[in-house]
Amino acid sequence: FPNGVAARFGPDSIPTDGKLQIVFFIGFLELFVMKDVTGENDFVGDFRNGLLDFGWDNFDEETKLSKRAIELNNGRAAMMGIL
């Protein structure tokens, strides 16, 4: 398996149809799935739309703020790990 730039542009890279499929799938998610259609969002990035609730509404405001901060820090650590 090629890595780095060769995975995208080399002779053994991902086929063009595969790259287009990824782009169109992400576009589909952005346009039709990942949006607040009900207006019930509690915070920016809350795309539950009244369907998924794994106990989030049972937490008090301090716990919610703490969990959002932890998730944000985990995302930042993941971005640093990619670098």
N, C-alpha and C. Protein backbone atom coordinates (compact mmCIF):
# COMPACT_ATOMS: atom_id res chain seq x y z
N PHE A 1 0.83 -1.18 0.00
CA PHE A 1 0.00 0.00 0.00
C PHE A 1 0.88 1.25 0.00
N PRO A 2 0.62 2.16 -0.89
CA PRO A 2 1.40 3.40 -0.90
C PRO A 2 0.98 4.30 0.25
N ASN A 3 1.88 5.17 0.64
CA ASN A 3 1.54 6.11 1.70
C ASN A 3 1.93 7.52 1.27
N GLY A 4 1.47 8.50 2.02
CA GLY A 4 1.80 9.88 1.72
C GLY A 4 1.19 10.35 0.41
N VAL A 5 1.97 11.12 -0.33
CA VAL A 5 1.49 11.69 -1.59
C VAL A 5 1.25 10.59 -2.63
N ALA A 6 2.02 9.52 -2.56
CA ALA A 6 1.87 8.43 -3.53
C ALA A 6 0.50 7.76 -3.41
N ALA A 7 -0.12 7.82 -2.24
CA ALA A 7 -1.45 7.23 -2.07
C ALA A 7 -2.51 8.00 -2.83
N ARG A 8 -2.23 9.27 -3.10
CA ARG A 8 -3.21 10.09 -3.82
C ARG A 8 -2.88 10.26 -5.29
N PHE A 9 -1.60 10.32 -5.63
CA PHE A 9 -1.22 10.67 -7.00
C PHE A 9 -0.29 9.67 -7.67
N GLY A 10 0.16 8.65 -6.97
CA GLY A 10 1.12 7.71 -7.54
C GLY A 10 0.46 6.70 -8.46
N PRO A 11 1.26 5.77 -8.99
CA PRO A 11 0.73 4.77 -9.92
C PRO A 11 -0.23 3.79 -9.24
N ASP A 12 -0.07 3.55 -7.94
CA ASP A 12 -0.96 2.65 -7.21
C ASP A 12 -1.92 3.43 -6.32
N SER A 13 -2.27 4.64 -6.73
CA SER A 13 -3.12 5.50 -5.90
C SER A 13 -4.58 5.07 -5.95
N ILE A 14 -5.40 5.74 -5.15
CA ILE A 14 -6.83 5.49 -5.16
C ILE A 14 -7.38 5.85 -6.54
N PRO A 15 -8.20 4.99 -7.15
CA PRO A 15 -8.76 5.30 -8.47
C PRO A 15 -9.61 6.58 -8.43
N THR A 16 -9.72 7.24 -9.55
CA THR A 16 -10.48 8.49 -9.65
C THR A 16 -11.93 8.28 -9.23
N ASP A 17 -12.52 7.16 -9.63
CA ASP A 17 -13.91 6.89 -9.23
C ASP A 17 -14.04 6.79 -7.71
N GLY A 18 -13.04 6.22 -7.06
CA GLY A 18 -13.05 6.12 -5.60
C GLY A 18 -12.97 7.48 -4.94
N LYS A 19 -12.10 8.34 -5.48
CA LYS A 19 -11.97 9.70 -4.95
C LYS A 19 -13.27 10.47 -5.13
N LEU A 20 -13.91 10.33 -6.30
CA LEU A 20 -15.18 11.01 -6.54
C LEU A 20 -16.27 10.48 -5.60
N GLN A 21 -16.27 9.19 -5.35
CA GLN A 21 -17.26 8.60 -4.45
C GLN A 21 -17.11 9.20 -3.04
N ILE A 22 -15.88 9.36 -2.58
CA ILE A 22 -15.64 9.96 -1.27
C ILE A 22 -16.15 11.40 -1.24
N VAL A 23 -15.84 12.17 -2.28
CA VAL A 23 -16.26 13.58 -2.34
C VAL A 23 -17.78 13.69 -2.36
N PHE A 24 -18.44 12.88 -3.18
CA PHE A 24 -19.90 12.95 -3.26
C PHE A 24 -20.57 12.48 -1.97
N PHE A 25 -19.99 11.49 -1.30
CA PHE A 25 -20.55 11.03 -0.03
C PHE A 25 -20.45 12.12 1.03
N ILE A 26 -19.31 12.79 1.10
CA ILE A 26 -19.14 13.89 2.06
C ILE A 26 -20.10 15.02 1.71
N GLY A 27 -20.25 15.33 0.43
CA GLY A 27 -21.20 16.35 0.01
C GLY A 27 -22.62 16.00 0.39
N PHE A 28 -23.00 14.73 0.22
CA PHE A 28 -24.34 14.28 0.61
C PHE A 28 -24.55 14.46 2.11
N LEU A 29 -23.56 14.08 2.91
CA LEU A 29 -23.69 14.24 4.35
C LEU A 29 -23.84 15.70 4.73
N GLU A 30 -23.04 16.56 4.12
CA GLU A 30 -23.10 18.00 4.44
C GLU A 30 -24.43 18.61 4.06
N LEU A 31 -24.98 18.23 2.91
CA LEU A 31 -26.20 18.87 2.42
C LEU A 31 -27.48 18.31 3.02
N PHE A 32 -27.51 17.00 3.32
CA PHE A 32 -28.77 16.38 3.70
C PHE A 32 -28.82 15.79 5.10
N VAL A 33 -27.69 15.42 5.67
CA VAL A 33 -27.73 14.72 6.95
C VAL A 33 -27.28 15.61 8.10
N MET A 34 -26.14 16.25 7.98
CA MET A 34 -25.54 17.00 9.08
C MET A 34 -26.06 18.43 9.14
N LYS A 35 -27.35 18.58 9.39
CA LYS A 35 -27.91 19.91 9.58
C LYS A 35 -29.03 19.83 10.59
N ASP A 36 -29.31 20.96 11.22
CA ASP A 36 -30.34 21.01 12.24
C ASP A 36 -31.68 21.26 11.57
N VAL A 37 -32.46 20.22 11.38
CA VAL A 37 -33.73 20.35 10.67
C VAL A 37 -34.90 20.64 11.60
N THR A 38 -34.75 20.37 12.89
CA THR A 38 -35.86 20.56 13.82
C THR A 38 -35.76 21.84 14.62
N GLY A 39 -34.57 22.45 14.68
CA GLY A 39 -34.38 23.65 15.48
C GLY A 39 -34.25 23.37 16.96
N GLU A 40 -34.00 22.12 17.33
CA GLU A 40 -33.88 21.73 18.74
C GLU A 40 -32.45 21.67 19.23
N ASN A 41 -31.51 22.21 18.48
CA ASN A 41 -30.11 22.05 18.87
C ASN A 41 -29.83 22.81 20.17
N ASP A 42 -29.03 22.17 21.04
CA ASP A 42 -28.65 22.77 22.31
C ASP A 42 -27.38 23.61 22.18
N PHE A 43 -26.56 23.31 21.19
CA PHE A 43 -25.29 24.00 21.00
C PHE A 43 -24.86 23.81 19.56
N VAL A 44 -23.88 24.57 19.14
CA VAL A 44 -23.37 24.47 17.77
C VAL A 44 -22.79 23.07 17.57
N GLY A 45 -23.20 22.42 16.50
CA GLY A 45 -22.73 21.07 16.21
C GLY A 45 -23.62 19.97 16.76
N ASP A 46 -24.75 20.32 17.35
CA ASP A 46 -25.69 19.34 17.88
C ASP A 46 -26.65 18.94 16.75
N PHE A 47 -26.39 17.78 16.13
CA PHE A 47 -27.18 17.33 15.00
C PHE A 47 -28.06 16.13 15.37
N ARG A 48 -28.48 16.02 16.61
CA ARG A 48 -29.29 14.88 17.03
C ARG A 48 -30.68 14.94 16.42
N ASN A 49 -31.21 16.13 16.20
CA ASN A 49 -32.53 16.33 15.59
C ASN A 49 -33.63 15.57 16.32
N GLY A 50 -33.50 15.45 17.63
CA GLY A 50 -34.54 14.79 18.42
C GLY A 50 -34.53 13.28 18.33
N LEU A 51 -33.57 12.68 17.64
CA LEU A 51 -33.56 11.23 17.45
C LEU A 51 -32.64 10.51 18.42
N LEU A 52 -31.40 10.92 18.52
CA LEU A 52 -30.42 10.23 19.35
C LEU A 52 -30.30 10.94 20.68
N ASP A 53 -30.46 10.20 21.76
CA ASP A 53 -30.23 10.76 23.08
C ASP A 53 -29.66 9.66 23.96
N PHE A 54 -28.38 9.74 24.19
CA PHE A 54 -27.72 8.74 25.02
C PHE A 54 -27.57 9.26 26.44
N GLY A 55 -28.59 9.96 26.95
CA GLY A 55 -28.55 10.47 28.30
C GLY A 55 -28.04 11.89 28.41
N TRP A 56 -27.79 12.55 27.29
CA TRP A 56 -27.23 13.90 27.32
C TRP A 56 -28.17 14.86 28.06
N ASP A 57 -29.45 14.73 27.86
CA ASP A 57 -30.40 15.66 28.48
C ASP A 57 -30.52 15.45 29.99
N ASN A 58 -29.99 14.36 30.51
CA ASN A 58 -30.06 14.10 31.94
C ASN A 58 -28.93 14.75 32.72
N PHE A 59 -27.89 15.25 32.03
CA PHE A 59 -26.76 15.87 32.71
C PHE A 59 -27.11 17.30 33.11
N ASP A 60 -26.50 17.78 34.20
CA ASP A 60 -26.67 19.18 34.55
C ASP A 60 -25.75 20.03 33.67
N GLU A 61 -25.94 21.34 33.69
CA GLU A 61 -25.22 22.23 32.78
C GLU A 61 -23.72 22.18 32.98
N GLU A 62 -23.27 22.04 34.22
CA GLU A 62 -21.83 21.98 34.50
C GLU A 62 -21.21 20.73 33.88
N THR A 63 -21.89 19.60 34.00
CA THR A 63 -21.39 18.35 33.42
C THR A 63 -21.38 18.43 31.90
N LYS A 64 -22.42 19.01 31.31
CA LYS A 64 -22.46 19.17 29.85
C LYS A 64 -21.28 20.02 29.37
N LEU A 65 -21.02 21.13 30.06
CA LEU A 65 -19.91 22.00 29.69
C LEU A 65 -18.58 21.27 29.81
N SER A 66 -18.43 20.49 30.88
CA SER A 66 -17.20 19.72 31.07
C SER A 66 -17.01 18.68 29.96
N LYS A 67 -18.08 17.97 29.62
CA LYS A 67 -17.99 16.94 28.58
C LYS A 67 -17.70 17.54 27.21
N ARG A 68 -18.28 18.70 26.92
CA ARG A 68 -17.98 19.37 25.65
C ARG A 68 -16.52 19.81 25.59
N ALA A 69 -15.99 20.30 26.72
CA ALA A 69 -14.59 20.72 26.78
C ALA A 69 -13.66 19.52 26.59
N ILE A 70 -14.01 18.40 27.21
CA ILE A 70 -13.20 17.18 27.05
C ILE A 70 -13.20 16.73 25.59
N GLU A 71 -14.37 16.74 24.96
CA GLU A 71 -14.47 16.33 23.55
C GLU A 71 -13.69 17.27 22.64
N LEU A 72 -13.74 18.56 22.92
CA LEU A 72 -13.00 19.53 22.13
C LEU A 72 -11.50 19.30 22.28
N ASN A 73 -11.04 19.05 23.50
CA ASN A 73 -9.62 18.78 23.73
C ASN A 73 -9.18 17.48 23.06
N ASN A 74 -10.04 16.46 23.07
CA ASN A 74 -9.70 15.21 22.38
C ASN A 74 -9.57 15.45 20.88
N GLY A 75 -10.44 16.27 20.31
CA GLY A 75 -10.33 16.59 18.90
C GLY A 75 -9.05 17.34 18.58
N ARG A 76 -8.67 18.27 19.46
CA ARG A 76 -7.42 19.00 19.25
C ARG A 76 -6.23 18.05 19.35
N ALA A 77 -6.25 17.12 20.30
CA ALA A 77 -5.16 16.16 20.43
C ALA A 77 -5.06 15.27 19.19
N ALA A 78 -6.22 14.89 18.64
CA ALA A 78 -6.22 14.08 17.41
C ALA A 78 -5.63 14.85 16.24
N MET A 79 -5.96 16.14 16.14
CA MET A 79 -5.40 16.95 15.06
C MET A 79 -3.88 17.08 15.21
N MET A 80 -3.40 17.21 16.43
CA MET A 80 -1.96 17.28 16.65
C MET A 80 -1.30 15.95 16.33
N GLY A 81 -2.01 14.86 16.62
CA GLY A 81 -1.47 13.53 16.31
C GLY A 81 -1.31 13.31 14.82
N ILE A 82 -2.19 13.91 14.03
CA ILE A 82 -2.08 13.79 12.58
C ILE A 82 -0.84 14.50 12.07
N LEU A 83 -0.51 15.62 12.69
CA LEU A 83 0.68 16.36 12.26
C LEU A 83 1.93 15.58 12.57
